[in-house]
Amino acid sequence: MIQVNTHSAKTNLSALLMKVEKTGEQVTICRNGKPIARLSPVRRHGKAGKTAMAMQVIEKMTGRGTSNLSTDEIMALTRE
């Protein structure tokens, strides 16, 4: 994880964003040596990612009485 001070973050924001995007590495922004914010990549689910997630849910739901599950309960299955 990269740590930068606020001045450096302001001066090099474009380069830091590019690094986060390309490498997935997080950047912690500090003021007086104390962390105050973090830049991190946004997780994107392409078609393959959505298919994999759906398969995980189906796999976890197999054999359970699932017809009465709420959306929240189904989403919880993806976190198990």
C-alpha atoms as a PDB file:
ATOM      1  CA  MET A   1       0.000   0.000   0.000  1.00  0.00           C
ATOM      2  CA  ILE A   2       1.275   3.431  -0.938  1.00  0.00           C
ATOM      3  CA  GLN A   3       1.147   6.280   1.591  1.00  0.00           C
ATOM      4  CA  VAL A   4       1.337   9.919   0.521  1.00  0.00           C
ATOM      5  CA  ASN A   5       0.814  13.229   2.252  1.00  0.00           C
ATOM      6  CA  THR A   6      -2.028  15.533   1.223  1.00  0.00           C
ATOM      7  CA  HIS A   7       0.211  17.871  -0.794  1.00  0.00           C
ATOM      8  CA  SER A   8       1.709  14.995  -2.764  1.00  0.00           C
ATOM      9  CA  ALA A   9      -1.767  13.503  -3.332  1.00  0.00           C
ATOM     10  CA  LYS A  10      -3.022  16.831  -4.704  1.00  0.00           C
ATOM     11  CA  THR A  11       0.018  17.307  -6.908  1.00  0.00           C
ATOM     12  CA  ASN A  12       0.049  13.740  -8.251  1.00  0.00           C
ATOM     13  CA  LEU A  13      -3.644  12.818  -8.203  1.00  0.00           C
ATOM     14  CA  SER A  14      -3.831  11.775 -11.857  1.00  0.00           C
ATOM     15  CA  ALA A  15      -0.774   9.529 -11.545  1.00  0.00           C
ATOM     16  CA  LEU A  16      -2.080   8.013  -8.300  1.00  0.00           C
ATOM     17  CA  LEU A  17      -5.466   7.286  -9.867  1.00  0.00           C
ATOM     18  CA  MET A  18      -3.769   5.659 -12.842  1.00  0.00           C
ATOM     19  CA  LYS A  19      -1.684   3.458 -10.527  1.00  0.00           C
ATOM     20  CA  VAL A  20      -4.784   2.419  -8.557  1.00  0.00           C
ATOM     21  CA  GLU A  21      -6.614   1.632 -11.795  1.00  0.00           C
ATOM     22  CA  LYS A  22      -3.756  -0.318 -13.410  1.00  0.00           C
ATOM     23  CA  THR A  23      -2.389  -2.233 -10.411  1.00  0.00           C
ATOM     24  CA  GLY A  24      -5.330  -2.385  -8.015  1.00  0.00           C
ATOM     25  CA  GLU A  25      -3.049  -1.081  -5.281  1.00  0.00           C
ATOM     26  CA  GLN A  26      -4.549   1.165  -2.603  1.00  0.00           C
ATOM     27  CA  VAL A  27      -3.205   4.626  -1.777  1.00  0.00           C
ATOM     28  CA  THR A  28      -3.543   6.018   1.734  1.00  0.00           C
ATOM     29  CA  ILE A  29      -3.543   9.806   2.034  1.00  0.00           C
ATOM     30  CA  CYS A  30      -2.111  11.101   5.301  1.00  0.00           C
ATOM     31  CA  ARG A  31      -2.144  14.449   7.085  1.00  0.00           C
ATOM     32  CA  ASN A  32       0.622  14.948   9.633  1.00  0.00           C
ATOM     33  CA  GLY A  33       1.449  11.246   9.335  1.00  0.00           C
ATOM     34  CA  LYS A  34      -2.090  10.108  10.187  1.00  0.00           C
ATOM     35  CA  PRO A  35      -4.223   8.328   7.569  1.00  0.00           C
ATOM     36  CA  ILE A  36      -7.298  10.355   6.569  1.00  0.00           C
ATOM     37  CA  ALA A  37      -8.463   8.831   3.279  1.00  0.00           C
ATOM     38  CA  ARG A  38      -7.876   5.906   0.971  1.00  0.00           C
ATOM     39  CA  LEU A  39      -8.007   5.594  -2.805  1.00  0.00           C
ATOM     40  CA  SER A  40      -8.950   2.092  -3.857  1.00  0.00           C
ATOM     41  CA  PRO A  41     -10.095   0.499  -7.095  1.00  0.00           C
ATOM     42  CA  VAL A  42     -13.783   0.048  -7.778  1.00  0.00           C
ATOM     43  CA  ARG A  43     -14.716  -3.595  -8.174  1.00  0.00           C
ATOM     44  CA  ARG A  44     -16.250  -4.157 -11.548  1.00  0.00           C
ATOM     45  CA  HIS A  45     -18.136  -7.270 -12.475  1.00  0.00           C
ATOM     46  CA  GLY A  46     -17.972  -8.006 -16.166  1.00  0.00           C
ATOM     47  CA  LYS A  47     -20.147 -10.670 -17.734  1.00  0.00           C
ATOM     48  CA  ALA A  48     -17.826 -13.425 -16.502  1.00  0.00           C
ATOM     49  CA  GLY A  49     -17.887 -11.997 -12.960  1.00  0.00           C
ATOM     50  CA  LYS A  50     -21.683 -11.840 -12.904  1.00  0.00           C
ATOM     51  CA  THR A  51     -21.938 -15.395 -14.205  1.00  0.00           C
ATOM     52  CA  ALA A  52     -19.538 -16.633 -11.530  1.00  0.00           C
ATOM     53  CA  MET A  53     -21.499 -14.809  -8.831  1.00  0.00           C
ATOM     54  CA  ALA A  54     -24.785 -16.284 -10.083  1.00  0.00           C
ATOM     55  CA  MET A  55     -23.247 -19.768 -10.075  1.00  0.00           C
ATOM     56  CA  GLN A  56     -22.113 -19.274  -6.467  1.00  0.00           C
ATOM     57  CA  VAL A  57     -25.624 -18.301  -5.406  1.00  0.00           C
ATOM     58  CA  ILE A  58     -27.196 -21.248  -7.240  1.00  0.00           C
ATOM     59  CA  GLU A  59     -24.646 -23.620  -5.711  1.00  0.00           C
ATOM     60  CA  LYS A  60     -25.348 -22.353  -2.187  1.00  0.00           C
ATOM     61  CA  MET A  61     -29.112 -22.445  -2.710  1.00  0.00           C
ATOM     62  CA  THR A  62     -29.168 -26.064  -3.926  1.00  0.00           C
ATOM     63  CA  GLY A  63     -31.095 -28.225  -1.508  1.00  0.00           C
ATOM     64  CA  ARG A  64     -32.499 -25.310   0.491  1.00  0.00           C
ATOM     65  CA  GLY A  65     -36.104 -24.214   0.536  1.00  0.00           C
ATOM     66  CA  THR A  66     -35.384 -21.028  -1.392  1.00  0.00           C
ATOM     67  CA  SER A  67     -38.711 -20.044  -2.894  1.00  0.00           C
ATOM     68  CA  ASN A  68     -39.526 -17.733   0.018  1.00  0.00           C
ATOM     69  CA  LEU A  69     -36.148 -16.013   0.380  1.00  0.00           C
ATOM     70  CA  SER A  70     -35.987 -12.235   0.287  1.00  0.00           C
ATOM     71  CA  THR A  71     -33.494 -10.383  -1.881  1.00  0.00           C
ATOM     72  CA  ASP A  72     -31.433  -9.610   1.241  1.00  0.00           C
ATOM     73  CA  GLU A  73     -31.306 -13.300   2.154  1.00  0.00           C
ATOM     74  CA  ILE A  74     -30.218 -14.236  -1.363  1.00  0.00           C
ATOM     75  CA  MET A  75     -27.510 -11.544  -1.290  1.00  0.00           C
ATOM     76  CA  ALA A  76     -26.333 -12.909   2.072  1.00  0.00           C
ATOM     77  CA  LEU A  77     -25.745 -16.252   0.369  1.00  0.00           C
ATOM     78  CA  THR A  78     -23.141 -14.589  -1.855  1.00  0.00           C
ATOM     79  CA  ARG A  79     -21.193 -13.528   1.233  1.00  0.00           C
ATOM     80  CA  GLU A  80     -21.114 -16.964   2.915  1.00  0.00           C
END
